[in-house]
């Protein structure tokens, strides 16, 4: 099983920037429960079409990532996510 490192770009729903940060605070607390690690998390102003937040995290394998995505605690926050996150891009990366 191969390690999986991902970059996540997040755009907040206009006017929901602070709420999106709070949502991400909550769900990223769950990452470690799945053997994963948040390597980087940066927050910008989202100006000029740039993402509001960029995250890089590493999961031990795809199964751990799938377990995080399916975590019932995360699922309970789905309505919050729908309200505060306008767009997400997720893709594999290599940290050098």
PDB file of N, CA and C in Angstrom:
ATOM      1  N   UNK A   1       0.833  -1.181   0.000  1.00  0.00           N
ATOM      2  CA  UNK A   1       0.000   0.000   0.000  1.00  0.00           C
ATOM      3  C   UNK A   1       0.879   1.246   0.000  1.00  0.00           C
ATOM      4  N   UNK A   2       0.559   2.158  -0.861  1.00  0.00           N
ATOM      5  CA  UNK A   2       1.375   3.353  -1.022  1.00  0.00           C
ATOM      6  C   UNK A   2       0.782   4.537  -0.275  1.00  0.00           C
ATOM      7  N   UNK A   3       1.678   5.332   0.273  1.00  0.00           N
ATOM      8  CA  UNK A   3       1.271   6.580   0.905  1.00  0.00           C
ATOM      9  C   UNK A   3       0.580   7.467  -0.124  1.00  0.00           C
ATOM     10  N   UNK A   4      -0.358   8.272   0.334  1.00  0.00           N
ATOM     11  CA  UNK A   4      -1.110   9.149  -0.543  1.00  0.00           C
ATOM     12  C   UNK A   4      -1.021  10.571   0.000  1.00  0.00           C
ATOM     13  N   UNK A   5      -0.380  11.458  -0.762  1.00  0.00           N
ATOM     14  CA  UNK A   5      -0.268  12.864  -0.375  1.00  0.00           C
ATOM     15  C   UNK A   5      -1.153  13.666  -1.307  1.00  0.00           C
ATOM     16  N   UNK A   6      -2.001  14.487  -0.724  1.00  0.00           N
ATOM     17  CA  UNK A   6      -3.001  15.236  -1.488  1.00  0.00           C
ATOM     18  C   UNK A   6      -2.925  16.722  -1.208  1.00  0.00           C
ATOM     19  N   UNK A   7      -3.241  17.516  -2.224  1.00  0.00           N
ATOM     20  CA  UNK A   7      -3.412  18.954  -2.072  1.00  0.00           C
ATOM     21  C   UNK A   7      -4.891  19.243  -2.273  1.00  0.00           C
ATOM     22  N   UNK A   8      -5.438  20.046  -1.384  1.00  0.00           N
ATOM     23  CA  UNK A   8      -6.849  20.408  -1.448  1.00  0.00           C
ATOM     24  C   UNK A   8      -6.957  21.928  -1.520  1.00  0.00           C
ATOM     25  N   UNK A   9      -7.601  22.416  -2.572  1.00  0.00           N
ATOM     26  CA  UNK A   9      -7.876  23.835  -2.733  1.00  0.00           C
ATOM     27  C   UNK A   9      -9.348  24.057  -2.412  1.00  0.00           C
ATOM     28  N   UNK A  10      -9.628  25.053  -1.586  1.00  0.00           N
ATOM     29  CA  UNK A  10     -11.001  25.304  -1.140  1.00  0.00           C
ATOM     30  C   UNK A  10     -11.379  26.760  -1.356  1.00  0.00           C
ATOM     31  N   UNK A  11     -12.509  26.955  -1.993  1.00  0.00           N
ATOM     32  CA  UNK A  11     -13.070  28.288  -2.180  1.00  0.00           C
ATOM     33  C   UNK A  11     -14.299  28.407  -1.291  1.00  0.00           C
ATOM     34  N   UNK A  12     -14.355  29.466  -0.516  1.00  0.00           N
ATOM     35  CA  UNK A  12     -15.487  29.688   0.383  1.00  0.00           C
ATOM     36  C   UNK A  12     -16.665  30.288  -0.383  1.00  0.00           C
ATOM     37  N   UNK A  13     -17.853  29.952   0.063  1.00  0.00           N
ATOM     38  CA  UNK A  13     -19.047  30.649  -0.411  1.00  0.00           C
ATOM     39  C   UNK A  13     -18.896  32.108   0.023  1.00  0.00           C
ATOM     40  N   UNK A  14     -19.150  33.070  -0.870  1.00  0.00           N
ATOM     41  CA  UNK A  14     -18.986  34.479  -0.488  1.00  0.00           C
ATOM     42  C   UNK A  14     -19.718  34.806   0.819  1.00  0.00           C
ATOM     43  N   UNK A  15     -18.986  35.461   1.710  1.00  0.00           N
ATOM     44  CA  UNK A  15     -19.532  35.828   3.012  1.00  0.00           C
ATOM     45  C   UNK A  15     -19.410  34.739   4.060  1.00  0.00           C
ATOM     46  N   UNK A  16     -18.936  33.550   3.669  1.00  0.00           N
ATOM     47  CA  UNK A  16     -18.838  32.409   4.575  1.00  0.00           C
ATOM     48  C   UNK A  16     -17.386  32.004   4.865  1.00  0.00           C
ATOM     49  N   UNK A  17     -16.460  32.913   4.625  1.00  0.00           N
ATOM     50  CA  UNK A  17     -15.041  32.591   4.786  1.00  0.00           C
ATOM     51  C   UNK A  17     -14.707  32.131   6.211  1.00  0.00           C
ATOM     52  N   UNK A  18     -15.146  32.867   7.207  1.00  0.00           N
ATOM     53  CA  UNK A  18     -14.852  32.491   8.598  1.00  0.00           C
ATOM     54  C   UNK A  18     -15.549  31.181   8.958  1.00  0.00           C
ATOM     55  N   UNK A  19     -16.755  30.990   8.470  1.00  0.00           N
ATOM     56  CA  UNK A  19     -17.487  29.748   8.746  1.00  0.00           C
ATOM     57  C   UNK A  19     -16.801  28.558   8.081  1.00  0.00           C
ATOM     58  N   UNK A  20     -16.240  28.767   6.886  1.00  0.00           N
ATOM     59  CA  UNK A  20     -15.529  27.675   6.226  1.00  0.00           C
ATOM     60  C   UNK A  20     -14.280  27.309   7.022  1.00  0.00           C
ATOM     61  N   UNK A  21     -13.568  28.297   7.532  1.00  0.00           N
ATOM     62  CA  UNK A  21     -12.385  28.023   8.350  1.00  0.00           C
ATOM     63  C   UNK A  21     -12.778  27.223   9.585  1.00  0.00           C
ATOM     64  N   UNK A  22     -13.889  27.578  10.234  1.00  0.00           N
ATOM     65  CA  UNK A  22     -14.352  26.816  11.408  1.00  0.00           C
ATOM     66  C   UNK A  22     -14.724  25.387  11.017  1.00  0.00           C
ATOM     67  N   UNK A  23     -15.394  25.220   9.881  1.00  0.00           N
ATOM     68  CA  UNK A  23     -15.742  23.880   9.398  1.00  0.00           C
ATOM     69  C   UNK A  23     -14.461  23.062   9.181  1.00  0.00           C
ATOM     70  N   UNK A  24     -13.491  23.646   8.505  1.00  0.00           N
ATOM     71  CA  UNK A  24     -12.239  22.931   8.250  1.00  0.00           C
ATOM     72  C   UNK A  24     -11.494  22.621   9.542  1.00  0.00           C
ATOM     73  N   UNK A  25     -11.534  23.532  10.508  1.00  0.00           N
ATOM     74  CA  UNK A  25     -10.947  23.242  11.823  1.00  0.00           C
ATOM     75  C   UNK A  25     -11.532  21.946  12.375  1.00  0.00           C
ATOM     76  N   UNK A  26     -12.852  21.807  12.280  1.00  0.00           N
ATOM     77  CA  UNK A  26     -13.547  20.643  12.840  1.00  0.00           C
ATOM     78  C   UNK A  26     -13.201  19.353  12.105  1.00  0.00           C
ATOM     79  N   UNK A  27     -13.264  19.367  10.779  1.00  0.00           N
ATOM     80  CA  UNK A  27     -13.041  18.110  10.055  1.00  0.00           C
ATOM     81  C   UNK A  27     -11.572  17.710  10.017  1.00  0.00           C
ATOM     82  N   UNK A  28     -10.680  18.681  10.029  1.00  0.00           N
ATOM     83  CA  UNK A  28      -9.257  18.324  10.008  1.00  0.00           C
ATOM     84  C   UNK A  28      -8.795  17.723  11.334  1.00  0.00           C
ATOM     85  N   UNK A  29      -9.534  17.952  12.397  1.00  0.00           N
ATOM     86  CA  UNK A  29      -9.224  17.281  13.670  1.00  0.00           C
ATOM     87  C   UNK A  29      -9.376  15.766  13.549  1.00  0.00           C
ATOM     88  N   UNK A  30     -10.157  15.306  12.587  1.00  0.00           N
ATOM     89  CA  UNK A  30     -10.428  13.877  12.416  1.00  0.00           C
ATOM     90  C   UNK A  30      -9.333  13.158  11.621  1.00  0.00           C
ATOM     91  N   UNK A  31      -8.512  13.896  10.923  1.00  0.00           N
ATOM     92  CA  UNK A  31      -7.500  13.311  10.044  1.00  0.00           C
ATOM     93  C   UNK A  31      -6.594  12.331  10.800  1.00  0.00           C
ATOM     94  N   UNK A  32      -6.111  12.734  11.949  1.00  0.00           N
ATOM     95  CA  UNK A  32      -5.175  11.882  12.714  1.00  0.00           C
ATOM     96  C   UNK A  32      -5.813  10.562  13.133  1.00  0.00           C
ATOM     97  N   UNK A  33      -7.121  10.561  13.336  1.00  0.00           N
ATOM     98  CA  UNK A  33      -7.808   9.324  13.712  1.00  0.00           C
ATOM     99  C   UNK A  33      -7.735   8.266  12.615  1.00  0.00           C
ATOM    100  N   UNK A  34      -7.337   8.682  11.422  1.00  0.00           N
ATOM    101  CA  UNK A  34      -7.233   7.761  10.285  1.00  0.00           C
ATOM    102  C   UNK A  34      -5.785   7.553   9.868  1.00  0.00           C
ATOM    103  N   UNK A  35      -4.870   7.866  10.793  1.00  0.00           N
ATOM    104  CA  UNK A  35      -3.454   7.642  10.545  1.00  0.00           C
ATOM    105  C   UNK A  35      -2.831   8.656   9.606  1.00  0.00           C
ATOM    106  N   UNK A  36      -3.528   9.739   9.345  1.00  0.00           N
ATOM    107  CA  UNK A  36      -3.051  10.743   8.404  1.00  0.00           C
ATOM    108  C   UNK A  36      -2.503  11.958   9.140  1.00  0.00           C
ATOM    109  N   UNK A  37      -1.915  12.852   8.373  1.00  0.00           N
ATOM    110  CA  UNK A  37      -1.285  14.033   8.944  1.00  0.00           C
ATOM    111  C   UNK A  37      -1.531  15.223   8.026  1.00  0.00           C
ATOM    112  N   UNK A  38      -1.888  16.360   8.617  1.00  0.00           N
ATOM    113  CA  UNK A  38      -1.970  17.608   7.865  1.00  0.00           C
ATOM    114  C   UNK A  38      -0.548  18.165   7.810  1.00  0.00           C
ATOM    115  N   UNK A  39       0.003  18.251   6.615  1.00  0.00           N
ATOM    116  CA  UNK A  39       1.375  18.731   6.446  1.00  0.00           C
ATOM    117  C   UNK A  39       1.426  20.251   6.380  1.00  0.00           C
ATOM    118  N   UNK A  40       0.458  20.837   5.688  1.00  0.00           N
ATOM    119  CA  UNK A  40       0.397  22.291   5.533  1.00  0.00           C
ATOM    120  C   UNK A  40      -1.067  22.709   5.457  1.00  0.00           C
ATOM    121  N   UNK A  41      -1.334  23.861   6.035  1.00  0.00           N
ATOM    122  CA  UNK A  41      -2.658  24.470   5.923  1.00  0.00           C
ATOM    123  C   UNK A  41      -2.441  25.973   5.914  1.00  0.00           C
ATOM    124  N   UNK A  42      -2.840  26.603   4.821  1.00  0.00           N
ATOM    125  CA  UNK A  42      -2.683  28.049   4.708  1.00  0.00           C
ATOM    126  C   UNK A  42      -4.006  28.656   4.295  1.00  0.00           C
ATOM    127  N   UNK A  43      -4.256  29.852   4.805  1.00  0.00           N
ATOM    128  CA  UNK A  43      -5.506  30.563   4.530  1.00  0.00           C
ATOM    129  C   UNK A  43      -5.159  31.904   3.905  1.00  0.00           C
ATOM    130  N   UNK A  44      -5.809  32.201   2.794  1.00  0.00           N
ATOM    131  CA  UNK A  44      -5.637  33.486   2.127  1.00  0.00           C
ATOM    132  C   UNK A  44      -6.941  34.269   2.167  1.00  0.00           C
ATOM    133  N   UNK A  45      -7.009  35.305   1.356  1.00  0.00           N
ATOM    134  CA  UNK A  45      -8.230  36.124   1.347  1.00  0.00           C
ATOM    135  C   UNK A  45      -9.188  35.734   0.235  1.00  0.00           C
ATOM    136  N   UNK A  46      -8.786  34.811  -0.637  1.00  0.00           N
ATOM    137  CA  UNK A  46      -9.666  34.369  -1.713  1.00  0.00           C
ATOM    138  C   UNK A  46      -9.846  35.401  -2.812  1.00  0.00           C
ATOM    139  N   UNK A  47      -9.040  36.455  -2.795  1.00  0.00           N
ATOM    140  CA  UNK A  47      -9.178  37.525  -3.785  1.00  0.00           C
ATOM    141  C   UNK A  47      -8.787  37.039  -5.178  1.00  0.00           C
ATOM    142  N   UNK A  48      -9.338  37.700  -6.168  1.00  0.00           N
ATOM    143  CA  UNK A  48      -8.993  37.462  -7.575  1.00  0.00           C
ATOM    144  C   UNK A  48      -9.180  36.011  -8.006  1.00  0.00           C
ATOM    145  N   UNK A  49     -10.140  35.327  -7.419  1.00  0.00           N
ATOM    146  CA  UNK A  49     -10.440  33.958  -7.815  1.00  0.00           C
ATOM    147  C   UNK A  49      -9.548  32.894  -7.215  1.00  0.00           C
ATOM    148  N   UNK A  50      -8.627  33.306  -6.343  1.00  0.00           N
ATOM    149  CA  UNK A  50      -7.750  32.330  -5.682  1.00  0.00           C
ATOM    150  C   UNK A  50      -8.522  31.588  -4.591  1.00  0.00           C
ATOM    151  N   UNK A  51      -8.072  30.380  -4.254  1.00  0.00           N
ATOM    152  CA  UNK A  51      -8.746  29.661  -3.171  1.00  0.00           C
ATOM    153  C   UNK A  51      -8.571  30.389  -1.836  1.00  0.00           C
ATOM    154  N   UNK A  52      -9.543  30.194  -0.971  1.00  0.00           N
ATOM    155  CA  UNK A  52      -9.490  30.766   0.374  1.00  0.00           C
ATOM    156  C   UNK A  52      -8.519  29.963   1.248  1.00  0.00           C
ATOM    157  N   UNK A  53      -8.460  28.662   1.002  1.00  0.00           N
ATOM    158  CA  UNK A  53      -7.615  27.801   1.832  1.00  0.00           C
ATOM    159  C   UNK A  53      -6.951  26.738   0.974  1.00  0.00           C
ATOM    160  N   UNK A  54      -5.699  26.403   1.342  1.00  0.00           N
ATOM    161  CA  UNK A  54      -4.944  25.339   0.689  1.00  0.00           C
ATOM    162  C   UNK A  54      -4.435  24.408   1.782  1.00  0.00           C
ATOM    163  N   UNK A  55      -4.650  23.119   1.579  1.00  0.00           N
ATOM    164  CA  UNK A  55      -4.219  22.114   2.552  1.00  0.00           C
ATOM    165  C   UNK A  55      -3.418  21.040   1.827  1.00  0.00           C
ATOM    166  N   UNK A  56      -2.411  20.517   2.515  1.00  0.00           N
ATOM    167  CA  UNK A  56      -1.665  19.359   2.022  1.00  0.00           C
ATOM    168  C   UNK A  56      -1.669  18.345   3.149  1.00  0.00           C
ATOM    169  N   UNK A  57      -2.137  17.145   2.849  1.00  0.00           N
ATOM    170  CA  UNK A  57      -2.140  16.105   3.872  1.00  0.00           C
ATOM    171  C   UNK A  57      -1.692  14.788   3.297  1.00  0.00           C
ATOM    172  N   UNK A  58      -1.225  13.925   4.219  1.00  0.00           N
ATOM    173  CA  UNK A  58      -0.698  12.626   3.835  1.00  0.00           C
ATOM    174  C   UNK A  58      -1.477  11.535   4.567  1.00  0.00           C
ATOM    175  N   UNK A  59      -1.974  10.606   3.776  1.00  0.00           N
ATOM    176  CA  UNK A  59      -2.656   9.428   4.310  1.00  0.00           C
ATOM    177  C   UNK A  59      -1.751   8.217   4.104  1.00  0.00           C
ATOM    178  N   UNK A  60      -1.808   7.249   5.001  1.00  0.00           N
ATOM    179  CA  UNK A  60      -0.954   6.075   4.835  1.00  0.00           C
ATOM    180  C   UNK A  60      -1.279   5.285   3.565  1.00  0.00           C
ATOM    181  N   UNK A  61      -2.536   5.354   3.121  1.00  0.00           N
ATOM    182  CA  UNK A  61      -2.960   4.656   1.912  1.00  0.00           C
ATOM    183  C   UNK A  61      -4.362   5.130   1.530  1.00  0.00           C
ATOM    184  N   UNK A  62      -4.841   4.644   0.420  1.00  0.00           N
ATOM    185  CA  UNK A  62      -6.166   5.039  -0.095  1.00  0.00           C
ATOM    186  C   UNK A  62      -7.274   4.608   0.866  1.00  0.00           C
ATOM    187  N   UNK A  63      -7.137   3.463   1.493  1.00  0.00           N
ATOM    188  CA  UNK A  63      -8.164   2.984   2.424  1.00  0.00           C
ATOM    189  C   UNK A  63      -8.326   3.943   3.601  1.00  0.00           C
ATOM    190  N   UNK A  64      -7.233   4.493   4.092  1.00  0.00           N
ATOM    191  CA  UNK A  64      -7.302   5.453   5.200  1.00  0.00           C
ATOM    192  C   UNK A  64      -8.011   6.727   4.757  1.00  0.00           C
ATOM    193  N   UNK A  65      -7.724   7.181   3.529  1.00  0.00           N
ATOM    194  CA  UNK A  65      -8.402   8.368   3.023  1.00  0.00           C
ATOM    195  C   UNK A  65      -9.902   8.104   2.869  1.00  0.00           C
ATOM    196  N   UNK A  66     -10.240   6.955   2.326  1.00  0.00           N
ATOM    197  CA  UNK A  66     -11.653   6.601   2.162  1.00  0.00           C
ATOM    198  C   UNK A  66     -12.361   6.537   3.512  1.00  0.00           C
ATOM    199  N   UNK A  67     -11.675   6.014   4.528  1.00  0.00           N
ATOM    200  CA  UNK A  67     -12.264   5.946   5.871  1.00  0.00           C
ATOM    201  C   UNK A  67     -12.482   7.348   6.442  1.00  0.00           C
ATOM    202  N   UNK A  68     -11.556   8.260   6.192  1.00  0.00           N
ATOM    203  CA  UNK A  68     -11.723   9.649   6.631  1.00  0.00           C
ATOM    204  C   UNK A  68     -12.929  10.290   5.942  1.00  0.00           C
ATOM    205  N   UNK A  69     -13.022  10.117   4.636  1.00  0.00           N
ATOM    206  CA  UNK A  69     -14.129  10.706   3.875  1.00  0.00           C
ATOM    207  C   UNK A  69     -15.465  10.144   4.360  1.00  0.00           C
ATOM    208  N   UNK A  70     -15.500   8.867   4.728  1.00  0.00           N
ATOM    209  CA  UNK A  70     -16.737   8.223   5.169  1.00  0.00           C
ATOM    210  C   UNK A  70     -16.984   8.333   6.674  1.00  0.00           C
ATOM    211  N   UNK A  71     -16.077   8.964   7.406  1.00  0.00           N
ATOM    212  CA  UNK A  71     -16.205   9.072   8.862  1.00  0.00           C
ATOM    213  C   UNK A  71     -17.574   9.681   9.220  1.00  0.00           C
ATOM    214  N   UNK A  72     -18.357   9.009  10.054  1.00  0.00           N
ATOM    215  CA  UNK A  72     -19.688   9.507  10.414  1.00  0.00           C
ATOM    216  C   UNK A  72     -19.660  10.892  11.064  1.00  0.00           C
ATOM    217  N   UNK A  73     -18.592  11.193  11.780  1.00  0.00           N
ATOM    218  CA  UNK A  73     -18.479  12.529  12.396  1.00  0.00           C
ATOM    219  C   UNK A  73     -18.342  13.594  11.318  1.00  0.00           C
ATOM    220  N   UNK A  74     -17.629  13.280  10.271  1.00  0.00           N
ATOM    221  CA  UNK A  74     -17.488  14.207   9.147  1.00  0.00           C
ATOM    222  C   UNK A  74     -18.809  14.303   8.382  1.00  0.00           C
ATOM    223  N   UNK A  75     -19.458  13.161   8.183  1.00  0.00           N
ATOM    224  CA  UNK A  75     -20.736  13.139   7.463  1.00  0.00           C
ATOM    225  C   UNK A  75     -21.798  13.986   8.161  1.00  0.00           C
ATOM    226  N   UNK A  76     -21.768  14.023   9.483  1.00  0.00           N
ATOM    227  CA  UNK A  76     -22.745  14.832  10.224  1.00  0.00           C
ATOM    228  C   UNK A  76     -22.602  16.323   9.944  1.00  0.00           C
ATOM    229  N   UNK A  77     -21.457  16.719   9.432  1.00  0.00           N
ATOM    230  CA  UNK A  77     -21.202  18.135   9.126  1.00  0.00           C
ATOM    231  C   UNK A  77     -21.433  18.464   7.652  1.00  0.00           C
ATOM    232  N   UNK A  78     -21.992  17.537   6.894  1.00  0.00           N
ATOM    233  CA  UNK A  78     -22.165  17.724   5.446  1.00  0.00           C
ATOM    234  C   UNK A  78     -23.006  18.956   5.112  1.00  0.00           C
ATOM    235  N   UNK A  79     -24.036  19.228   5.873  1.00  0.00           N
ATOM    236  CA  UNK A  79     -24.871  20.405   5.599  1.00  0.00           C
ATOM    237  C   UNK A  79     -24.072  21.692   5.795  1.00  0.00           C
ATOM    238  N   UNK A  80     -23.207  21.710   6.803  1.00  0.00           N
ATOM    239  CA  UNK A  80     -22.341  22.871   7.010  1.00  0.00           C
ATOM    240  C   UNK A  80     -21.420  23.052   5.809  1.00  0.00           C
ATOM    241  N   UNK A  81     -20.865  21.947   5.353  1.00  0.00           N
ATOM    242  CA  UNK A  81     -19.955  22.004   4.206  1.00  0.00           C
ATOM    243  C   UNK A  81     -20.661  22.569   2.982  1.00  0.00           C
ATOM    244  N   UNK A  82     -21.856  22.073   2.721  1.00  0.00           N
ATOM    245  CA  UNK A  82     -22.621  22.550   1.568  1.00  0.00           C
ATOM    246  C   UNK A  82     -22.874  24.054   1.640  1.00  0.00           C
ATOM    247  N   UNK A  83     -23.033  24.555   2.835  1.00  0.00           N
ATOM    248  CA  UNK A  83     -23.345  25.972   3.042  1.00  0.00           C
ATOM    249  C   UNK A  83     -22.110  26.859   2.887  1.00  0.00           C
ATOM    250  N   UNK A  84     -20.946  26.380   3.296  1.00  0.00           N
ATOM    251  CA  UNK A  84     -19.778  27.263   3.383  1.00  0.00           C
ATOM    252  C   UNK A  84     -18.715  27.041   2.311  1.00  0.00           C
ATOM    253  N   UNK A  85     -18.699  25.880   1.664  1.00  0.00           N
ATOM    254  CA  UNK A  85     -17.684  25.586   0.650  1.00  0.00           C
ATOM    255  C   UNK A  85     -18.319  25.695  -0.733  1.00  0.00           C
ATOM    256  N   UNK A  86     -17.808  26.629  -1.518  1.00  0.00           N
ATOM    257  CA  UNK A  86     -18.338  26.832  -2.866  1.00  0.00           C
ATOM    258  C   UNK A  86     -17.714  25.868  -3.875  1.00  0.00           C
ATOM    259  N   UNK A  87     -16.431  25.553  -3.677  1.00  0.00           N
ATOM    260  CA  UNK A  87     -15.707  24.733  -4.654  1.00  0.00           C
ATOM    261  C   UNK A  87     -14.514  24.075  -3.977  1.00  0.00           C
ATOM    262  N   UNK A  88     -14.223  22.869  -4.424  1.00  0.00           N
ATOM    263  CA  UNK A  88     -13.072  22.112  -3.914  1.00  0.00           C
ATOM    264  C   UNK A  88     -12.335  21.479  -5.089  1.00  0.00           C
ATOM    265  N   UNK A  89     -11.028  21.526  -5.052  1.00  0.00           N
ATOM    266  CA  UNK A  89     -10.194  20.763  -5.984  1.00  0.00           C
ATOM    267  C   UNK A  89      -9.242  19.928  -5.148  1.00  0.00           C
ATOM    268  N   UNK A  90      -9.178  18.638  -5.435  1.00  0.00           N
ATOM    269  CA  UNK A  90      -8.338  17.700  -4.702  1.00  0.00           C
ATOM    270  C   UNK A  90      -7.511  16.918  -5.697  1.00  0.00           C
ATOM    271  N   UNK A  91      -6.193  16.866  -5.465  1.00  0.00           N
ATOM    272  CA  UNK A  91      -5.338  16.144  -6.410  1.00  0.00           C
ATOM    273  C   UNK A  91      -4.091  15.659  -5.683  1.00  0.00           C
ATOM    274  N   UNK A  92      -3.519  14.545  -6.178  1.00  0.00           N
ATOM    275  CA  UNK A  92      -2.303  14.002  -5.571  1.00  0.00           C
ATOM    276  C   UNK A  92      -1.103  14.884  -5.892  1.00  0.00           C
ATOM    277  N   UNK A  93      -0.179  14.969  -4.926  1.00  0.00           N
ATOM    278  CA  UNK A  93       1.059  15.741  -5.094  1.00  0.00           C
ATOM    279  C   UNK A  93       2.215  14.950  -4.496  1.00  0.00           C
ATOM    280  N   UNK A  94       3.406  15.425  -4.770  1.00  0.00           N
ATOM    281  CA  UNK A  94       4.616  14.874  -4.172  1.00  0.00           C
ATOM    282  C   UNK A  94       5.319  15.993  -3.418  1.00  0.00           C
ATOM    283  N   UNK A  95       5.583  15.800  -2.150  1.00  0.00           N
ATOM    284  CA  UNK A  95       6.288  16.806  -1.355  1.00  0.00           C
ATOM    285  C   UNK A  95       7.784  16.575  -1.549  1.00  0.00           C
ATOM    286  N   UNK A  96       8.481  17.633  -1.877  1.00  0.00           N
ATOM    287  CA  UNK A  96       9.942  17.513  -2.120  1.00  0.00           C
ATOM    288  C   UNK A  96      10.697  18.344  -1.140  1.00  0.00           C
TER     289      UNK A  96
END
